[in-house]
Amino acid sequence: MSFFDLLIGFIVFGYAAFSLYRYTRKAKGGKCATCEIEPTCTTACDAADWDKIIAEALQKEPSTMNATTKKD
């Protein structure tokens, strides 16, 4: 085995170990720690009224869709 093969193997397995470590560290933090919008989230996931949030999103969606897809 050459040095290049060992280096590539070390990089691949090192990154896999780092990713596994990072995933387990986030998983220990709970549901909000793994959420991708966590830095900008203003509500707690458990306290949110999801029916109300979905209804608001559905009301806002058509007006934004018409403005962006309207062509002359």
PDB file of N, CA and C in Angstrom:
ATOM      1  N   MET A   1       0.840  -1.188   0.000  1.00  0.00           N
ATOM      2  CA  MET A   1       0.000   0.000   0.000  1.00  0.00           C
ATOM      3  C   MET A   1       0.876   1.238   0.000  1.00  0.00           C
ATOM      4  N   SER A   2       0.458   2.173  -0.766  1.00  0.00           N
ATOM      5  CA  SER A   2       1.232   3.401  -0.851  1.00  0.00           C
ATOM      6  C   SER A   2       0.745   4.414   0.186  1.00  0.00           C
ATOM      7  N   PHE A   3       1.552   5.427   0.339  1.00  0.00           N
ATOM      8  CA  PHE A   3       1.222   6.498   1.276  1.00  0.00           C
ATOM      9  C   PHE A   3      -0.065   7.211   0.857  1.00  0.00           C
ATOM     10  N   PHE A   4      -0.262   7.378  -0.454  1.00  0.00           N
ATOM     11  CA  PHE A   4      -1.451   8.033  -0.976  1.00  0.00           C
ATOM     12  C   PHE A   4      -2.714   7.267  -0.595  1.00  0.00           C
ATOM     13  N   ASP A   5      -2.691   5.931  -0.690  1.00  0.00           N
ATOM     14  CA  ASP A   5      -3.840   5.108  -0.319  1.00  0.00           C
ATOM     15  C   ASP A   5      -4.160   5.256   1.170  1.00  0.00           C
ATOM     16  N   LEU A   6      -3.137   5.269   1.991  1.00  0.00           N
ATOM     17  CA  LEU A   6      -3.340   5.439   3.435  1.00  0.00           C
ATOM     18  C   LEU A   6      -3.917   6.820   3.747  1.00  0.00           C
ATOM     19  N   LEU A   7      -3.438   7.827   3.054  1.00  0.00           N
ATOM     20  CA  LEU A   7      -3.923   9.183   3.279  1.00  0.00           C
ATOM     21  C   LEU A   7      -5.397   9.303   2.890  1.00  0.00           C
ATOM     22  N   ILE A   8      -5.772   8.768   1.743  1.00  0.00           N
ATOM     23  CA  ILE A   8      -7.170   8.802   1.309  1.00  0.00           C
ATOM     24  C   ILE A   8      -8.049   8.030   2.296  1.00  0.00           C
ATOM     25  N   GLY A   9      -7.610   6.862   2.729  1.00  0.00           N
ATOM     26  CA  GLY A   9      -8.367   6.071   3.711  1.00  0.00           C
ATOM     27  C   GLY A   9      -8.537   6.817   5.021  1.00  0.00           C
ATOM     28  N   PHE A  10      -7.479   7.475   5.488  1.00  0.00           N
ATOM     29  CA  PHE A  10      -7.554   8.239   6.721  1.00  0.00           C
ATOM     30  C   PHE A  10      -8.541   9.401   6.590  1.00  0.00           C
ATOM     31  N   ILE A  11      -8.531  10.074   5.457  1.00  0.00           N
ATOM     32  CA  ILE A  11      -9.450  11.200   5.241  1.00  0.00           C
ATOM     33  C   ILE A  11     -10.903  10.713   5.219  1.00  0.00           C
ATOM     34  N   VAL A  12     -11.170   9.619   4.513  1.00  0.00           N
ATOM     35  CA  VAL A  12     -12.540   9.107   4.400  1.00  0.00           C
ATOM     36  C   VAL A  12     -13.056   8.643   5.760  1.00  0.00           C
ATOM     37  N   PHE A  13     -12.283   7.808   6.456  1.00  0.00           N
ATOM     38  CA  PHE A  13     -12.742   7.302   7.743  1.00  0.00           C
ATOM     39  C   PHE A  13     -12.726   8.383   8.819  1.00  0.00           C
ATOM     40  N   GLY A  14     -11.835   9.338   8.724  1.00  0.00           N
ATOM     41  CA  GLY A  14     -11.815  10.452   9.667  1.00  0.00           C
ATOM     42  C   GLY A  14     -13.046  11.318   9.528  1.00  0.00           C
ATOM     43  N   TYR A  15     -13.439  11.603   8.298  1.00  0.00           N
ATOM     44  CA  TYR A  15     -14.644  12.404   8.083  1.00  0.00           C
ATOM     45  C   TYR A  15     -15.883  11.645   8.527  1.00  0.00           C
ATOM     46  N   ALA A  16     -15.923  10.341   8.288  1.00  0.00           N
ATOM     47  CA  ALA A  16     -17.069   9.541   8.732  1.00  0.00           C
ATOM     48  C   ALA A  16     -17.177   9.563  10.252  1.00  0.00           C
ATOM     49  N   ALA A  17     -16.052   9.444  10.942  1.00  0.00           N
ATOM     50  CA  ALA A  17     -16.059   9.488  12.406  1.00  0.00           C
ATOM     51  C   ALA A  17     -16.488  10.871  12.903  1.00  0.00           C
ATOM     52  N   PHE A  18     -16.005  11.924  12.258  1.00  0.00           N
ATOM     53  CA  PHE A  18     -16.381  13.283  12.639  1.00  0.00           C
ATOM     54  C   PHE A  18     -17.878  13.507  12.440  1.00  0.00           C
ATOM     55  N   SER A  19     -18.427  13.035  11.321  1.00  0.00           N
ATOM     56  CA  SER A  19     -19.853  13.197  11.053  1.00  0.00           C
ATOM     57  C   SER A  19     -20.700  12.439  12.066  1.00  0.00           C
ATOM     58  N   LEU A  20     -20.282  11.252  12.420  1.00  0.00           N
ATOM     59  CA  LEU A  20     -20.997  10.464  13.419  1.00  0.00           C
ATOM     60  C   LEU A  20     -20.951  11.146  14.778  1.00  0.00           C
ATOM     61  N   TYR A  21     -19.803  11.691  15.149  1.00  0.00           N
ATOM     62  CA  TYR A  21     -19.666  12.423  16.409  1.00  0.00           C
ATOM     63  C   TYR A  21     -20.574  13.651  16.425  1.00  0.00           C
ATOM     64  N   ARG A  22     -20.572  14.405  15.337  1.00  0.00           N
ATOM     65  CA  ARG A  22     -21.391  15.612  15.252  1.00  0.00           C
ATOM     66  C   ARG A  22     -22.878  15.267  15.325  1.00  0.00           C
ATOM     67  N   TYR A  23     -23.296  14.192  14.652  1.00  0.00           N
ATOM     68  CA  TYR A  23     -24.691  13.775  14.677  1.00  0.00           C
ATOM     69  C   TYR A  23     -25.118  13.373  16.085  1.00  0.00           C
ATOM     70  N   THR A  24     -24.308  12.585  16.770  1.00  0.00           N
ATOM     71  CA  THR A  24     -24.683  12.147  18.115  1.00  0.00           C
ATOM     72  C   THR A  24     -24.699  13.321  19.083  1.00  0.00           C
ATOM     73  N   ARG A  25     -23.804  14.280  18.907  1.00  0.00           N
ATOM     74  CA  ARG A  25     -23.797  15.458  19.777  1.00  0.00           C
ATOM     75  C   ARG A  25     -25.065  16.281  19.578  1.00  0.00           C
ATOM     76  N   LYS A  26     -25.514  16.452  18.330  1.00  0.00           N
ATOM     77  CA  LYS A  26     -26.744  17.179  18.066  1.00  0.00           C
ATOM     78  C   LYS A  26     -27.964  16.400  18.551  1.00  0.00           C
ATOM     79  N   ALA A  27     -27.960  15.089  18.392  1.00  0.00           N
ATOM     80  CA  ALA A  27     -29.101  14.272  18.792  1.00  0.00           C
ATOM     81  C   ALA A  27     -29.307  14.331  20.304  1.00  0.00           C
ATOM     82  N   LYS A  28     -28.250  14.462  21.064  1.00  0.00           N
ATOM     83  CA  LYS A  28     -28.370  14.581  22.512  1.00  0.00           C
ATOM     84  C   LYS A  28     -29.013  15.906  22.902  1.00  0.00           C
ATOM     85  N   GLY A  29     -28.919  16.914  22.038  1.00  0.00           N
ATOM     86  CA  GLY A  29     -29.481  18.228  22.327  1.00  0.00           C
ATOM     87  C   GLY A  29     -30.990  18.282  22.200  1.00  0.00           C
ATOM     88  N   GLY A  30     -31.606  17.287  21.602  1.00  0.00           N
ATOM     89  CA  GLY A  30     -33.058  17.255  21.473  1.00  0.00           C
ATOM     90  C   GLY A  30     -33.525  17.617  20.081  1.00  0.00           C
ATOM     91  N   LYS A  31     -34.838  17.754  19.966  1.00  0.00           N
ATOM     92  CA  LYS A  31     -35.467  17.979  18.668  1.00  0.00           C
ATOM     93  C   LYS A  31     -35.058  19.316  18.056  1.00  0.00           C
ATOM     94  N   CYS A  32     -35.012  20.363  18.849  1.00  0.00           N
ATOM     95  CA  CYS A  32     -34.713  21.682  18.299  1.00  0.00           C
ATOM     96  C   CYS A  32     -33.244  21.816  17.880  1.00  0.00           C
ATOM     97  N   ALA A  33     -32.357  21.076  18.484  1.00  0.00           N
ATOM     98  CA  ALA A  33     -30.946  21.159  18.127  1.00  0.00           C
ATOM     99  C   ALA A  33     -30.685  20.621  16.730  1.00  0.00           C
ATOM    100  N   THR A  34     -31.501  19.678  16.283  1.00  0.00           N
ATOM    101  CA  THR A  34     -31.299  19.097  14.953  1.00  0.00           C
ATOM    102  C   THR A  34     -32.124  19.785  13.886  1.00  0.00           C
ATOM    103  N   CYS A  35     -32.955  20.724  14.280  1.00  0.00           N
ATOM    104  CA  CYS A  35     -33.807  21.437  13.318  1.00  0.00           C
ATOM    105  C   CYS A  35     -32.950  22.393  12.494  1.00  0.00           C
ATOM    106  N   GLU A  36     -33.211  22.458  11.193  1.00  0.00           N
ATOM    107  CA  GLU A  36     -32.380  23.300  10.340  1.00  0.00           C
ATOM    108  C   GLU A  36     -32.718  24.780  10.447  1.00  0.00           C
ATOM    109  N   ILE A  37     -33.899  25.131  10.960  1.00  0.00           N
ATOM    110  CA  ILE A  37     -34.228  26.548  11.135  1.00  0.00           C
ATOM    111  C   ILE A  37     -34.070  26.987  12.586  1.00  0.00           C
ATOM    112  N   GLU A  38     -33.424  26.198  13.401  1.00  0.00           N
ATOM    113  CA  GLU A  38     -33.274  26.485  14.830  1.00  0.00           C
ATOM    114  C   GLU A  38     -32.675  27.852  15.116  1.00  0.00           C
ATOM    115  N   PRO A  39     -31.667  28.336  14.372  1.00  0.00           N
ATOM    116  CA  PRO A  39     -31.110  29.650  14.698  1.00  0.00           C
ATOM    117  C   PRO A  39     -32.097  30.799  14.541  1.00  0.00           C
ATOM    118  N   THR A  40     -33.093  30.658  13.662  1.00  0.00           N
ATOM    119  CA  THR A  40     -34.034  31.747  13.441  1.00  0.00           C
ATOM    120  C   THR A  40     -35.422  31.445  13.975  1.00  0.00           C
ATOM    121  N   CYS A  41     -35.593  30.340  14.656  1.00  0.00           N
ATOM    122  CA  CYS A  41     -36.903  29.921  15.146  1.00  0.00           C
ATOM    123  C   CYS A  41     -37.347  30.811  16.302  1.00  0.00           C
ATOM    124  N   THR A  42     -38.618  31.215  16.271  1.00  0.00           N
ATOM    125  CA  THR A  42     -39.144  32.069  17.339  1.00  0.00           C
ATOM    126  C   THR A  42     -40.148  31.341  18.216  1.00  0.00           C
ATOM    127  N   THR A  43     -40.510  30.103  17.866  1.00  0.00           N
ATOM    128  CA  THR A  43     -41.468  29.352  18.660  1.00  0.00           C
ATOM    129  C   THR A  43     -40.857  28.043  19.101  1.00  0.00           C
ATOM    130  N   ALA A  44     -41.354  27.527  20.188  1.00  0.00           N
ATOM    131  CA  ALA A  44     -40.968  26.187  20.615  1.00  0.00           C
ATOM    132  C   ALA A  44     -41.809  25.193  19.821  1.00  0.00           C
ATOM    133  N   CYS A  45     -41.204  24.146  19.327  1.00  0.00           N
ATOM    134  CA  CYS A  45     -41.920  23.188  18.479  1.00  0.00           C
ATOM    135  C   CYS A  45     -43.102  22.560  19.210  1.00  0.00           C
ATOM    136  N   ASP A  46     -42.940  22.255  20.485  1.00  0.00           N
ATOM    137  CA  ASP A  46     -44.014  21.617  21.227  1.00  0.00           C
ATOM    138  C   ASP A  46     -45.164  22.573  21.523  1.00  0.00           C
ATOM    139  N   ALA A  47     -44.868  23.871  21.645  1.00  0.00           N
ATOM    140  CA  ALA A  47     -45.896  24.853  21.995  1.00  0.00           C
ATOM    141  C   ALA A  47     -46.590  25.434  20.771  1.00  0.00           C
ATOM    142  N   ALA A  48     -46.117  25.125  19.597  1.00  0.00           N
ATOM    143  CA  ALA A  48     -46.676  25.719  18.374  1.00  0.00           C
ATOM    144  C   ALA A  48     -48.017  25.095  18.028  1.00  0.00           C
ATOM    145  N   ASP A  49     -48.936  25.918  17.565  1.00  0.00           N
ATOM    146  CA  ASP A  49     -50.228  25.458  17.071  1.00  0.00           C
ATOM    147  C   ASP A  49     -50.066  25.219  15.566  1.00  0.00           C
ATOM    148  N   TRP A  50     -49.749  23.989  15.194  1.00  0.00           N
ATOM    149  CA  TRP A  50     -49.389  23.684  13.818  1.00  0.00           C
ATOM    150  C   TRP A  50     -50.550  23.876  12.858  1.00  0.00           C
ATOM    151  N   ASP A  51     -51.787  23.661  13.316  1.00  0.00           N
ATOM    152  CA  ASP A  51     -52.932  23.896  12.434  1.00  0.00           C
ATOM    153  C   ASP A  51     -53.021  25.366  12.044  1.00  0.00           C
ATOM    154  N   LYS A  52     -52.791  26.259  12.996  1.00  0.00           N
ATOM    155  CA  LYS A  52     -52.825  27.691  12.731  1.00  0.00           C
ATOM    156  C   LYS A  52     -51.674  28.104  11.807  1.00  0.00           C
ATOM    157  N   ILE A  53     -50.484  27.568  12.042  1.00  0.00           N
ATOM    158  CA  ILE A  53     -49.316  27.902  11.230  1.00  0.00           C
ATOM    159  C   ILE A  53     -49.522  27.448   9.779  1.00  0.00           C
ATOM    160  N   ILE A  54     -50.056  26.253   9.605  1.00  0.00           N
ATOM    161  CA  ILE A  54     -50.294  25.731   8.254  1.00  0.00           C
ATOM    162  C   ILE A  54     -51.374  26.542   7.552  1.00  0.00           C
ATOM    163  N   ALA A  55     -52.434  26.909   8.281  1.00  0.00           N
ATOM    164  CA  ALA A  55     -53.501  27.716   7.681  1.00  0.00           C
ATOM    165  C   ALA A  55     -52.964  29.076   7.233  1.00  0.00           C
ATOM    166  N   GLU A  56     -52.110  29.709   8.058  1.00  0.00           N
ATOM    167  CA  GLU A  56     -51.518  30.990   7.678  1.00  0.00           C
ATOM    168  C   GLU A  56     -50.620  30.852   6.459  1.00  0.00           C
ATOM    169  N   ALA A  57     -49.870  29.777   6.405  1.00  0.00           N
ATOM    170  CA  ALA A  57     -48.969  29.553   5.273  1.00  0.00           C
ATOM    171  C   ALA A  57     -49.762  29.335   3.985  1.00  0.00           C
ATOM    172  N   LEU A  58     -50.862  28.622   4.085  1.00  0.00           N
ATOM    173  CA  LEU A  58     -51.680  28.388   2.899  1.00  0.00           C
ATOM    174  C   LEU A  58     -52.361  29.662   2.424  1.00  0.00           C
ATOM    175  N   GLN A  59     -52.695  30.562   3.336  1.00  0.00           N
ATOM    176  CA  GLN A  59     -53.303  31.824   2.943  1.00  0.00           C
ATOM    177  C   GLN A  59     -52.286  32.732   2.269  1.00  0.00           C
ATOM    178  N   LYS A  60     -51.041  32.711   2.718  1.00  0.00           N
ATOM    179  CA  LYS A  60     -49.997  33.568   2.158  1.00  0.00           C
ATOM    180  C   LYS A  60     -49.472  33.037   0.835  1.00  0.00           C
ATOM    181  N   GLU A  61     -49.511  31.752   0.637  1.00  0.00           N
ATOM    182  CA  GLU A  61     -48.891  31.125  -0.535  1.00  0.00           C
ATOM    183  C   GLU A  61     -49.453  31.603  -1.872  1.00  0.00           C
ATOM    184  N   PRO A  62     -50.781  31.653  -2.078  1.00  0.00           N
ATOM    185  CA  PRO A  62     -51.277  32.057  -3.403  1.00  0.00           C
ATOM    186  C   PRO A  62     -50.885  33.477  -3.787  1.00  0.00           C
ATOM    187  N   SER A  63     -50.867  34.403  -2.858  1.00  0.00           N
ATOM    188  CA  SER A  63     -50.532  35.776  -3.216  1.00  0.00           C
ATOM    189  C   SER A  63     -49.058  35.895  -3.628  1.00  0.00           C
ATOM    190  N   THR A  64     -48.174  35.162  -2.987  1.00  0.00           N
ATOM    191  CA  THR A  64     -46.770  35.208  -3.376  1.00  0.00           C
ATOM    192  C   THR A  64     -46.531  34.453  -4.669  1.00  0.00           C
ATOM    193  N   MET A  65     -47.313  33.401  -4.879  1.00  0.00           N
ATOM    194  CA  MET A  65     -47.159  32.635  -6.119  1.00  0.00           C
ATOM    195  C   MET A  65     -47.592  33.471  -7.318  1.00  0.00           C
ATOM    196  N   ASN A  66     -48.677  34.227  -7.201  1.00  0.00           N
ATOM    197  CA  ASN A  66     -49.154  35.028  -8.313  1.00  0.00           C
ATOM    198  C   ASN A  66     -48.184  36.149  -8.663  1.00  0.00           C
ATOM    199  N   ALA A  67     -47.553  36.727  -7.680  1.00  0.00           N
ATOM    200  CA  ALA A  67     -46.637  37.821  -7.932  1.00  0.00           C
ATOM    201  C   ALA A  67     -45.367  37.347  -8.630  1.00  0.00           C
ATOM    202  N   THR A  68     -44.923  36.149  -8.325  1.00  0.00           N
ATOM    203  CA  THR A  68     -43.679  35.668  -8.909  1.00  0.00           C
ATOM    204  C   THR A  68     -43.886  34.980 -10.246  1.00  0.00           C
ATOM    205  N   THR A  69     -45.067  34.427 -10.476  1.00  0.00           N
ATOM    206  CA  THR A  69     -45.288  33.686 -11.720  1.00  0.00           C
ATOM    207  C   THR A  69     -46.016  34.503 -12.767  1.00  0.00           C
ATOM    208  N   LYS A  70     -46.432  35.699 -12.445  1.00  0.00           N
ATOM    209  CA  LYS A  70     -47.159  36.544 -13.392  1.00  0.00           C
ATOM    210  C   LYS A  70     -46.202  37.044 -14.482  1.00  0.00           C
ATOM    211  N   LYS A  71     -46.570  36.813 -15.728  1.00  0.00           N
ATOM    212  CA  LYS A  71     -45.748  37.271 -16.853  1.00  0.00           C
ATOM    213  C   LYS A  71     -46.616  38.043 -17.825  1.00  0.00           C
ATOM    214  N   ASP A  72     -46.061  39.091 -18.372  1.00  0.00           N
ATOM    215  CA  ASP A  72     -46.804  39.920 -19.333  1.00  0.00           C
ATOM    216  C   ASP A  72     -46.585  39.437 -20.740  1.00  0.00           C
TER     217      ASP A  72
END
